[in-house]
Amino acid sequence: GGGSLTDSDSFEPRNAVKGDVARMILYM
């Protein structure tokens, strides 16, 4: 996963795309 993390109810992407994920969610 390139450094991504996960647990039973959430997912944390690798550092290099954290902002990308946030901006995609907020666009939607």
PDB file of all heavy atoms in Angstrom:
ATOM      1  N   GLY A   1       0.787  -1.236   0.000  1.00  0.00           N
ATOM      2  CA  GLY A   1       0.000   0.000   0.000  1.00  0.00           C
ATOM      3  C   GLY A   1       0.808   1.269   0.000  1.00  0.00           C
ATOM      4  O   GLY A   1       0.244   2.356   0.189  1.00  0.00           O
ATOM      5  N   GLY A   2       2.117   1.171  -0.175  1.00  0.00           N
ATOM      6  CA  GLY A   2       2.947   2.364  -0.270  1.00  0.00           C
ATOM      7  C   GLY A   2       3.052   3.157   1.018  1.00  0.00           C
ATOM      8  O   GLY A   2       3.406   4.336   0.991  1.00  0.00           O
ATOM      9  N   GLY A   3       2.727   2.535   2.145  1.00  0.00           N
ATOM     10  CA  GLY A   3       2.747   3.250   3.420  1.00  0.00           C
ATOM     11  C   GLY A   3       1.355   3.546   3.945  1.00  0.00           C
ATOM     12  O   GLY A   3       1.211   4.163   5.008  1.00  0.00           O
ATOM     13  N   SER A   4       0.315   3.132   3.231  1.00  0.00           N
ATOM     14  CA  SER A   4      -1.058   3.324   3.699  1.00  0.00           C
ATOM     15  C   SER A   4      -1.319   2.456   4.927  1.00  0.00           C
ATOM     16  O   SER A   4      -0.691   1.403   5.105  1.00  0.00           O
ATOM     17  CB  SER A   4      -2.051   2.957   2.583  1.00  0.00           C
ATOM     18  OG  SER A   4      -1.852   3.767   1.443  1.00  0.00           O
ATOM     19  N   LEU A   5      -2.252   2.907   5.755  1.00  0.00           N
ATOM     20  CA  LEU A   5      -2.625   2.195   6.977  1.00  0.00           C
ATOM     21  C   LEU A   5      -4.130   1.957   6.990  1.00  0.00           C
ATOM     22  O   LEU A   5      -4.890   2.702   6.370  1.00  0.00           O
ATOM     23  CB  LEU A   5      -2.239   3.011   8.216  1.00  0.00           C
ATOM     24  CG  LEU A   5      -0.783   3.459   8.347  1.00  0.00           C
ATOM     25  CD1 LEU A   5      -0.620   4.384   9.558  1.00  0.00           C
ATOM     26  CD2 LEU A   5       0.152   2.264   8.474  1.00  0.00           C
ATOM     27  N   THR A   6      -4.555   0.957   7.745  1.00  0.00           N
ATOM     28  CA  THR A   6      -5.989   0.698   7.858  1.00  0.00           C
ATOM     29  C   THR A   6      -6.318   0.040   9.186  1.00  0.00           C
ATOM     30  O   THR A   6      -5.452  -0.610   9.801  1.00  0.00           O
ATOM     31  CB  THR A   6      -6.502  -0.177   6.694  1.00  0.00           C
ATOM     32  OG1 THR A   6      -7.930  -0.152   6.672  1.00  0.00           O
ATOM     33  CG2 THR A   6      -6.017  -1.615   6.834  1.00  0.00           C
ATOM     34  N   ASP A   7      -7.548   0.243   9.646  1.00  0.00           N
ATOM     35  CA  ASP A   7      -8.075  -0.494  10.794  1.00  0.00           C
ATOM     36  C   ASP A   7      -9.500  -0.909  10.449  1.00  0.00           C
ATOM     37  O   ASP A   7      -9.888  -0.881   9.274  1.00  0.00           O
ATOM     38  CB  ASP A   7      -7.983   0.322  12.086  1.00  0.00           C
ATOM     39  CG  ASP A   7      -8.680   1.671  12.015  1.00  0.00           C
ATOM     40  OD1 ASP A   7      -9.624   1.821  11.187  1.00  0.00           O
ATOM     41  OD2 ASP A   7      -8.308   2.575  12.777  1.00  0.00           O
ATOM     42  N   SER A   8     -10.283  -1.260  11.437  1.00  0.00           N
ATOM     43  CA  SER A   8     -11.602  -1.837  11.166  1.00  0.00           C
ATOM     44  C   SER A   8     -12.584  -0.856  10.547  1.00  0.00           C
ATOM     45  O   SER A   8     -13.534  -1.272   9.873  1.00  0.00           O
ATOM     46  CB  SER A   8     -12.207  -2.405  12.453  1.00  0.00           C
ATOM     47  OG  SER A   8     -12.386  -1.369  13.417  1.00  0.00           O
ATOM     48  N   ASP A   9     -12.373   0.439  10.751  1.00  0.00           N
ATOM     49  CA  ASP A   9     -13.379   1.393  10.262  1.00  0.00           C
ATOM     50  C   ASP A   9     -12.800   2.586   9.496  1.00  0.00           C
ATOM     51  O   ASP A   9     -13.520   3.531   9.194  1.00  0.00           O
ATOM     52  CB  ASP A   9     -14.243   1.905  11.420  1.00  0.00           C
ATOM     53  CG  ASP A   9     -13.421   2.542  12.540  1.00  0.00           C
ATOM     54  OD1 ASP A   9     -12.250   2.907  12.295  1.00  0.00           O
ATOM     55  OD2 ASP A   9     -13.952   2.667  13.657  1.00  0.00           O
ATOM     56  N   SER A  10     -11.501   2.556   9.179  1.00  0.00           N
ATOM     57  CA  SER A  10     -10.947   3.700   8.456  1.00  0.00           C
ATOM     58  C   SER A  10      -9.721   3.312   7.639  1.00  0.00           C
ATOM     59  O   SER A  10      -9.142   2.237   7.825  1.00  0.00           O
ATOM     60  CB  SER A  10     -10.579   4.829   9.420  1.00  0.00           C
ATOM     61  OG  SER A  10      -9.463   4.475  10.213  1.00  0.00           O
ATOM     62  N   PHE A  11      -9.334   4.216   6.760  1.00  0.00           N
ATOM     63  CA  PHE A  11      -8.185   4.014   5.875  1.00  0.00           C
ATOM     64  C   PHE A  11      -7.381   5.304   5.855  1.00  0.00           C
ATOM     65  O   PHE A  11      -7.944   6.406   5.756  1.00  0.00           O
ATOM     66  CB  PHE A  11      -8.678   3.667   4.468  1.00  0.00           C
ATOM     67  CG  PHE A  11      -7.605   3.226   3.511  1.00  0.00           C
ATOM     68  CD1 PHE A  11      -7.239   1.887   3.412  1.00  0.00           C
ATOM     69  CD2 PHE A  11      -6.955   4.142   2.694  1.00  0.00           C
ATOM     70  CE1 PHE A  11      -6.251   1.471   2.521  1.00  0.00           C
ATOM     71  CE2 PHE A  11      -5.967   3.746   1.802  1.00  0.00           C
ATOM     72  CZ  PHE A  11      -5.617   2.396   1.723  1.00  0.00           C
ATOM     73  N   GLU A  12      -6.074   5.169   5.941  1.00  0.00           N
ATOM     74  CA  GLU A  12      -5.168   6.316   5.864  1.00  0.00           C
ATOM     75  C   GLU A  12      -4.239   6.129   4.675  1.00  0.00           C
ATOM     76  O   GLU A  12      -3.406   5.225   4.675  1.00  0.00           O
ATOM     77  CB  GLU A  12      -4.338   6.447   7.140  1.00  0.00           C
ATOM     78  CG  GLU A  12      -3.337   7.603   7.086  1.00  0.00           C
ATOM     79  CD  GLU A  12      -2.441   7.684   8.315  1.00  0.00           C
ATOM     80  OE1 GLU A  12      -2.742   7.019   9.329  1.00  0.00           O
ATOM     81  OE2 GLU A  12      -1.422   8.402   8.246  1.00  0.00           O
ATOM     82  N   PRO A  13      -4.361   6.951   3.629  1.00  0.00           N
ATOM     83  CA  PRO A  13      -3.490   6.792   2.458  1.00  0.00           C
ATOM     84  C   PRO A  13      -2.063   7.244   2.767  1.00  0.00           C
ATOM     85  O   PRO A  13      -1.798   7.914   3.771  1.00  0.00           O
ATOM     86  CB  PRO A  13      -4.139   7.704   1.418  1.00  0.00           C
ATOM     87  CG  PRO A  13      -4.833   8.749   2.221  1.00  0.00           C
ATOM     88  CD  PRO A  13      -5.295   8.070   3.480  1.00  0.00           C
ATOM     89  N   ARG A  14      -1.146   6.871   1.885  1.00  0.00           N
ATOM     90  CA  ARG A  14       0.257   7.291   2.035  1.00  0.00           C
ATOM     91  C   ARG A  14       0.340   8.818   2.066  1.00  0.00           C
ATOM     92  O   ARG A  14      -0.536   9.520   1.538  1.00  0.00           O
ATOM     93  CB  ARG A  14       1.103   6.726   0.888  1.00  0.00           C
ATOM     94  CG  ARG A  14       0.687   7.198  -0.501  1.00  0.00           C
ATOM     95  CD  ARG A  14       1.365   6.382  -1.607  1.00  0.00           C
ATOM     96  NE  ARG A  14       0.858   6.765  -2.917  1.00  0.00           N
ATOM     97  CZ  ARG A  14       1.488   7.611  -3.747  1.00  0.00           C
ATOM     98  NH1 ARG A  14       2.651   8.134  -3.415  1.00  0.00           N
ATOM     99  NH2 ARG A  14       0.963   7.899  -4.929  1.00  0.00           N
ATOM    100  N   ASN A  15       1.386   9.327   2.680  1.00  0.00           N
ATOM    101  CA  ASN A  15       1.523  10.763   2.911  1.00  0.00           C
ATOM    102  C   ASN A  15       1.440  11.594   1.639  1.00  0.00           C
ATOM    103  O   ASN A  15       0.883  12.693   1.640  1.00  0.00           O
ATOM    104  CB  ASN A  15       2.853  11.068   3.618  1.00  0.00           C
ATOM    105  CG  ASN A  15       2.859  10.611   5.053  1.00  0.00           C
ATOM    106  OD1 ASN A  15       1.810  10.451   5.673  1.00  0.00           O
ATOM    107  ND2 ASN A  15       4.038  10.385   5.609  1.00  0.00           N
ATOM    108  N   ALA A  16       2.008  11.071   0.537  1.00  0.00           N
ATOM    109  CA  ALA A  16       2.113  11.859  -0.694  1.00  0.00           C
ATOM    110  C   ALA A  16       0.771  12.177  -1.339  1.00  0.00           C
ATOM    111  O   ALA A  16       0.697  13.055  -2.205  1.00  0.00           O
ATOM    112  CB  ALA A  16       3.004  11.137  -1.700  1.00  0.00           C
ATOM    113  N   VAL A  17      -0.299  11.463  -0.943  1.00  0.00           N
ATOM    114  CA  VAL A  17      -1.606  11.716  -1.567  1.00  0.00           C
ATOM    115  C   VAL A  17      -2.701  12.022  -0.544  1.00  0.00           C
ATOM    116  O   VAL A  17      -3.872  12.040  -0.880  1.00  0.00           O
ATOM    117  CB  VAL A  17      -2.047  10.533  -2.465  1.00  0.00           C
ATOM    118  CG1 VAL A  17      -1.103  10.375  -3.645  1.00  0.00           C
ATOM    119  CG2 VAL A  17      -2.155   9.240  -1.678  1.00  0.00           C
ATOM    120  N   LYS A  18      -2.323  12.299   0.675  1.00  0.00           N
ATOM    121  CA  LYS A  18      -3.326  12.640   1.689  1.00  0.00           C
ATOM    122  C   LYS A  18      -4.144  13.865   1.272  1.00  0.00           C
ATOM    123  O   LYS A  18      -5.365  13.900   1.392  1.00  0.00           O
ATOM    124  CB  LYS A  18      -2.656  12.883   3.037  1.00  0.00           C
ATOM    125  CG  LYS A  18      -2.302  11.620   3.810  1.00  0.00           C
ATOM    126  CD  LYS A  18      -1.723  11.966   5.178  1.00  0.00           C
ATOM    127  CE  LYS A  18      -1.710  10.771   6.111  1.00  0.00           C
ATOM    128  NZ  LYS A  18      -0.735   9.755   5.744  1.00  0.00           N
ATOM    129  N   GLY A  19      -3.450  14.893   0.790  1.00  0.00           N
ATOM    130  CA  GLY A  19      -4.151  16.100   0.351  1.00  0.00           C
ATOM    131  C   GLY A  19      -5.016  15.841  -0.862  1.00  0.00           C
ATOM    132  O   GLY A  19      -6.129  16.386  -0.976  1.00  0.00           O
ATOM    133  N   ASP A  20      -4.527  15.003  -1.784  1.00  0.00           N
ATOM    134  CA  ASP A  20      -5.307  14.642  -2.975  1.00  0.00           C
ATOM    135  C   ASP A  20      -6.645  14.040  -2.567  1.00  0.00           C
ATOM    136  O   ASP A  20      -7.704  14.396  -3.099  1.00  0.00           O
ATOM    137  CB  ASP A  20      -4.557  13.616  -3.834  1.00  0.00           C
ATOM    138  CG  ASP A  20      -3.153  14.044  -4.235  1.00  0.00           C
ATOM    139  OD1 ASP A  20      -2.391  14.471  -3.349  1.00  0.00           O
ATOM    140  OD2 ASP A  20      -2.812  13.908  -5.416  1.00  0.00           O
ATOM    141  N   VAL A  21      -6.582  13.095  -1.604  1.00  0.00           N
ATOM    142  CA  VAL A  21      -7.798  12.422  -1.127  1.00  0.00           C
ATOM    143  C   VAL A  21      -8.748  13.442  -0.508  1.00  0.00           C
ATOM    144  O   VAL A  21      -9.948  13.450  -0.804  1.00  0.00           O
ATOM    145  CB  VAL A  21      -7.439  11.316  -0.117  1.00  0.00           C
ATOM    146  CG1 VAL A  21      -8.674  10.842   0.647  1.00  0.00           C
ATOM    147  CG2 VAL A  21      -6.779  10.138  -0.836  1.00  0.00           C
ATOM    148  N   ALA A  22      -8.233  14.305   0.346  1.00  0.00           N
ATOM    149  CA  ALA A  22      -9.074  15.319   0.990  1.00  0.00           C
ATOM    150  C   ALA A  22      -9.765  16.203  -0.035  1.00  0.00           C
ATOM    151  O   ALA A  22     -10.978  16.461   0.051  1.00  0.00           O
ATOM    152  CB  ALA A  22      -8.220  16.169   1.927  1.00  0.00           C
ATOM    153  N   ARG A  23      -9.021  16.663  -1.029  1.00  0.00           N
ATOM    154  CA  ARG A  23      -9.591  17.592  -2.012  1.00  0.00           C
ATOM    155  C   ARG A  23     -10.597  16.899  -2.931  1.00  0.00           C
ATOM    156  O   ARG A  23     -11.557  17.527  -3.402  1.00  0.00           O
ATOM    157  CB  ARG A  23      -8.459  18.254  -2.805  1.00  0.00           C
ATOM    158  CG  ARG A  23      -7.692  19.272  -1.960  1.00  0.00           C
ATOM    159  CD  ARG A  23      -6.574  19.947  -2.717  1.00  0.00           C
ATOM    160  NE  ARG A  23      -5.391  19.115  -2.871  1.00  0.00           N
ATOM    161  CZ  ARG A  23      -4.415  19.017  -1.991  1.00  0.00           C
ATOM    162  NH1 ARG A  23      -4.462  19.674  -0.847  1.00  0.00           N
ATOM    163  NH2 ARG A  23      -3.350  18.258  -2.233  1.00  0.00           N
ATOM    164  N   MET A  24     -10.422  15.594  -3.182  1.00  0.00           N
ATOM    165  CA  MET A  24     -11.412  14.844  -3.963  1.00  0.00           C
ATOM    166  C   MET A  24     -12.709  14.683  -3.186  1.00  0.00           C
ATOM    167  O   MET A  24     -13.807  14.862  -3.732  1.00  0.00           O
ATOM    168  CB  MET A  24     -10.844  13.480  -4.368  1.00  0.00           C
ATOM    169  CG  MET A  24      -9.821  13.552  -5.488  1.00  0.00           C
ATOM    170  SD  MET A  24      -9.278  11.921  -6.051  1.00  0.00           S
ATOM    171  CE  MET A  24      -8.078  11.490  -4.795  1.00  0.00           C
ATOM    172  N   ILE A  25     -12.600  14.358  -1.898  1.00  0.00           N
ATOM    173  CA  ILE A  25     -13.790  14.201  -1.061  1.00  0.00           C
ATOM    174  C   ILE A  25     -14.560  15.522  -0.983  1.00  0.00           C
ATOM    175  O   ILE A  25     -15.793  15.553  -1.122  1.00  0.00           O
ATOM    176  CB  ILE A  25     -13.393  13.726   0.351  1.00  0.00           C
ATOM    177  CG1 ILE A  25     -12.827  12.304   0.309  1.00  0.00           C
ATOM    178  CG2 ILE A  25     -14.578  13.813   1.316  1.00  0.00           C
ATOM    179  CD1 ILE A  25     -13.788  11.251  -0.175  1.00  0.00           C
ATOM    180  N   LEU A  26     -13.863  16.614  -0.789  1.00  0.00           N
ATOM    181  CA  LEU A  26     -14.529  17.899  -0.617  1.00  0.00           C
ATOM    182  C   LEU A  26     -15.076  18.431  -1.946  1.00  0.00           C
ATOM    183  O   LEU A  26     -16.098  19.131  -1.961  1.00  0.00           O
ATOM    184  CB  LEU A  26     -13.579  18.887   0.059  1.00  0.00           C
ATOM    185  CG  LEU A  26     -13.147  18.415   1.464  1.00  0.00           C
ATOM    186  CD1 LEU A  26     -12.117  19.361   2.059  1.00  0.00           C
ATOM    187  CD2 LEU A  26     -14.341  18.255   2.389  1.00  0.00           C
ATOM    188  N   TYR A  27     -14.436  18.093  -3.056  1.00  0.00           N
ATOM    189  CA  TYR A  27     -15.025  18.378  -4.376  1.00  0.00           C
ATOM    190  C   TYR A  27     -16.396  17.721  -4.485  1.00  0.00           C
ATOM    191  O   TYR A  27     -17.372  18.354  -4.905  1.00  0.00           O
ATOM    192  CB  TYR A  27     -14.110  17.878  -5.493  1.00  0.00           C
ATOM    193  CG  TYR A  27     -14.826  17.712  -6.819  1.00  0.00           C
ATOM    194  CD1 TYR A  27     -14.962  18.778  -7.703  1.00  0.00           C
ATOM    195  CD2 TYR A  27     -15.406  16.493  -7.172  1.00  0.00           C
ATOM    196  CE1 TYR A  27     -15.650  18.632  -8.913  1.00  0.00           C
ATOM    197  CE2 TYR A  27     -16.087  16.330  -8.371  1.00  0.00           C
ATOM    198  CZ  TYR A  27     -16.215  17.399  -9.232  1.00  0.00           C
ATOM    199  OH  TYR A  27     -16.911  17.248 -10.420  1.00  0.00           O
ATOM    200  N   MET A  28     -16.473  16.448  -4.123  1.00  0.00           N
ATOM    201  CA  MET A  28     -17.740  15.716  -4.232  1.00  0.00           C
ATOM    202  C   MET A  28     -18.819  16.343  -3.364  1.00  0.00           C
ATOM    203  O   MET A  28     -19.997  16.410  -3.753  1.00  0.00           O
ATOM    204  CB  MET A  28     -17.527  14.254  -3.847  1.00  0.00           C
ATOM    205  CG  MET A  28     -16.659  13.461  -4.812  1.00  0.00           C
ATOM    206  SD  MET A  28     -17.427  13.210  -6.424  1.00  0.00           S
ATOM    207  CE  MET A  28     -18.579  11.877  -6.023  1.00  0.00           C
TER     208      MET A  28
END
